[in-house]
Amino acid sequence: MLNATTGSTKTNSHVDFTNHSVINEEGWICGSKGELLMWIPQIHRANLHRPGNIWVAGEYETRLDLSTFVHGQSWTTCIDT
């Protein structure tokens, strides 16, 4: 997680995306403490699968696979070089 005021980063080992996670008005999924986890394009927000969903009906049904999700200081490891 980046603190924009200080420029420091903190690595979280747990992604806090649950059935109760809020998507704020700018499209960010927020963690339980209000931290910004990831941004979701507007077209995918209404029909986003939550962890407990079995099925979501919609033209733009979106399911997130967070099994290899990296963030914080480790985000660069997702780039295959």
C-alpha atoms as a PDB file:
ATOM      1  CA  MET A   1       0.000   0.000   0.000  1.00  0.00           C
ATOM      2  CA  LEU A   2       1.378   3.429  -0.908  1.00  0.00           C
ATOM      3  CA  ASN A   3       1.101   6.367   1.445  1.00  0.00           C
ATOM      4  CA  ALA A   4       0.901   9.245  -1.050  1.00  0.00           C
ATOM      5  CA  THR A   5       1.754  11.805   1.623  1.00  0.00           C
ATOM      6  CA  THR A   6       5.042  10.237   2.738  1.00  0.00           C
ATOM      7  CA  GLY A   7       5.888   8.194  -0.364  1.00  0.00           C
ATOM      8  CA  SER A   8       6.447   5.106   1.787  1.00  0.00           C
ATOM      9  CA  THR A   9       5.061   1.692   0.951  1.00  0.00           C
ATOM     10  CA  LYS A  10       3.770  -1.075   3.163  1.00  0.00           C
ATOM     11  CA  THR A  11       3.214  -4.640   1.982  1.00  0.00           C
ATOM     12  CA  ASN A  12       0.032  -6.370   3.058  1.00  0.00           C
ATOM     13  CA  SER A  13       0.071 -10.154   2.944  1.00  0.00           C
ATOM     14  CA  HIS A  14      -3.722 -10.423   2.942  1.00  0.00           C
ATOM     15  CA  VAL A  15      -6.171  -9.107   0.346  1.00  0.00           C
ATOM     16  CA  ASP A  16      -9.260  -8.009   2.228  1.00  0.00           C
ATOM     17  CA  PHE A  17     -11.856  -8.452  -0.567  1.00  0.00           C
ATOM     18  CA  THR A  18     -15.027  -9.924   0.955  1.00  0.00           C
ATOM     19  CA  ASN A  19     -18.753 -10.082   0.274  1.00  0.00           C
ATOM     20  CA  HIS A  20     -19.052  -6.852   2.276  1.00  0.00           C
ATOM     21  CA  SER A  21     -16.280  -4.871   0.554  1.00  0.00           C
ATOM     22  CA  VAL A  22     -17.352  -1.436  -0.656  1.00  0.00           C
ATOM     23  CA  ILE A  23     -16.667  -0.081  -4.128  1.00  0.00           C
ATOM     24  CA  ASN A  24     -16.358   3.682  -3.655  1.00  0.00           C
ATOM     25  CA  GLU A  25     -17.654   6.296  -6.108  1.00  0.00           C
ATOM     26  CA  GLU A  26     -14.311   6.392  -7.956  1.00  0.00           C
ATOM     27  CA  GLY A  27     -14.406   2.618  -8.501  1.00  0.00           C
ATOM     28  CA  TRP A  28     -11.909   1.468  -5.853  1.00  0.00           C
ATOM     29  CA  ILE A  29     -12.611  -1.675  -3.844  1.00  0.00           C
ATOM     30  CA  CYS A  30     -11.933  -0.654  -0.257  1.00  0.00           C
ATOM     31  CA  GLY A  31     -10.640  -2.890   2.523  1.00  0.00           C
ATOM     32  CA  SER A  32     -12.233  -3.117   5.966  1.00  0.00           C
ATOM     33  CA  LYS A  33     -10.120  -0.179   7.168  1.00  0.00           C
ATOM     34  CA  GLY A  34     -10.927   1.983   4.127  1.00  0.00           C
ATOM     35  CA  GLU A  35      -7.667   1.193   2.313  1.00  0.00           C
ATOM     36  CA  LEU A  36      -7.778   1.187  -1.505  1.00  0.00           C
ATOM     37  CA  LEU A  37      -7.242  -2.366  -2.753  1.00  0.00           C
ATOM     38  CA  MET A  38      -7.813  -2.248  -6.517  1.00  0.00           C
ATOM     39  CA  TRP A  39      -9.615  -0.152  -9.113  1.00  0.00           C
ATOM     40  CA  ILE A  40     -12.494  -1.659 -11.109  1.00  0.00           C
ATOM     41  CA  PRO A  41     -13.543  -0.148 -14.473  1.00  0.00           C
ATOM     42  CA  GLN A  42     -17.099   1.228 -14.377  1.00  0.00           C
ATOM     43  CA  ILE A  43     -18.426  -1.300 -16.902  1.00  0.00           C
ATOM     44  CA  HIS A  44     -17.547  -4.149 -14.482  1.00  0.00           C
ATOM     45  CA  ARG A  45     -18.685  -2.688 -11.140  1.00  0.00           C
ATOM     46  CA  ALA A  46     -22.394  -3.565 -11.223  1.00  0.00           C
ATOM     47  CA  ASN A  47     -21.895  -7.251 -12.057  1.00  0.00           C
ATOM     48  CA  LEU A  48     -18.742  -7.984 -10.079  1.00  0.00           C
ATOM     49  CA  HIS A  49     -18.562 -11.392  -8.452  1.00  0.00           C
ATOM     50  CA  ARG A  50     -18.017 -11.277  -4.690  1.00  0.00           C
ATOM     51  CA  PRO A  51     -16.126 -14.167  -3.047  1.00  0.00           C
ATOM     52  CA  GLY A  52     -19.392 -15.793  -1.930  1.00  0.00           C
ATOM     53  CA  ASN A  53     -21.209 -15.473  -5.293  1.00  0.00           C
ATOM     54  CA  ILE A  54     -21.977 -18.586  -7.267  1.00  0.00           C
ATOM     55  CA  TRP A  55     -23.447 -16.775 -10.270  1.00  0.00           C
ATOM     56  CA  VAL A  56     -24.023 -13.164 -11.339  1.00  0.00           C
ATOM     57  CA  ALA A  57     -26.330 -12.271 -14.212  1.00  0.00           C
ATOM     58  CA  GLY A  58     -25.316  -9.424 -16.421  1.00  0.00           C
ATOM     59  CA  GLU A  59     -23.897  -8.456 -19.764  1.00  0.00           C
ATOM     60  CA  TYR A  60     -20.476  -7.732 -18.261  1.00  0.00           C
ATOM     61  CA  GLU A  61     -20.217 -10.431 -15.598  1.00  0.00           C
ATOM     62  CA  THR A  62     -16.774 -10.098 -13.981  1.00  0.00           C
ATOM     63  CA  ARG A  63     -14.980 -12.598 -11.770  1.00  0.00           C
ATOM     64  CA  LEU A  64     -11.660 -11.704 -10.121  1.00  0.00           C
ATOM     65  CA  ASP A  65      -8.990 -14.374  -9.722  1.00  0.00           C
ATOM     66  CA  LEU A  66      -6.841 -13.172  -6.820  1.00  0.00           C
ATOM     67  CA  SER A  67      -4.890 -16.434  -6.460  1.00  0.00           C
ATOM     68  CA  THR A  68      -1.724 -14.792  -7.819  1.00  0.00           C
ATOM     69  CA  PHE A  69      -2.557 -11.187  -6.902  1.00  0.00           C
ATOM     70  CA  VAL A  70       0.450  -9.173  -5.730  1.00  0.00           C
ATOM     71  CA  HIS A  71       0.478  -5.671  -4.304  1.00  0.00           C
ATOM     72  CA  GLY A  72       2.528  -3.325  -2.169  1.00  0.00           C
ATOM     73  CA  GLN A  73       6.270  -3.551  -2.795  1.00  0.00           C
ATOM     74  CA  SER A  74       5.800  -6.954  -4.494  1.00  0.00           C
ATOM     75  CA  TRP A  75       3.583  -5.706  -7.345  1.00  0.00           C
ATOM     76  CA  THR A  76       6.450  -5.763  -9.857  1.00  0.00           C
ATOM     77  CA  THR A  77       6.719  -9.557  -9.536  1.00  0.00           C
ATOM     78  CA  CYS A  78       3.532  -9.879 -11.625  1.00  0.00           C
ATOM     79  CA  ILE A  79       5.418  -8.748 -14.747  1.00  0.00           C
ATOM     80  CA  ASP A  80       6.863 -11.650 -16.728  1.00  0.00           C
ATOM     81  CA  THR A  81      10.314 -10.511 -17.848  1.00  0.00           C
END
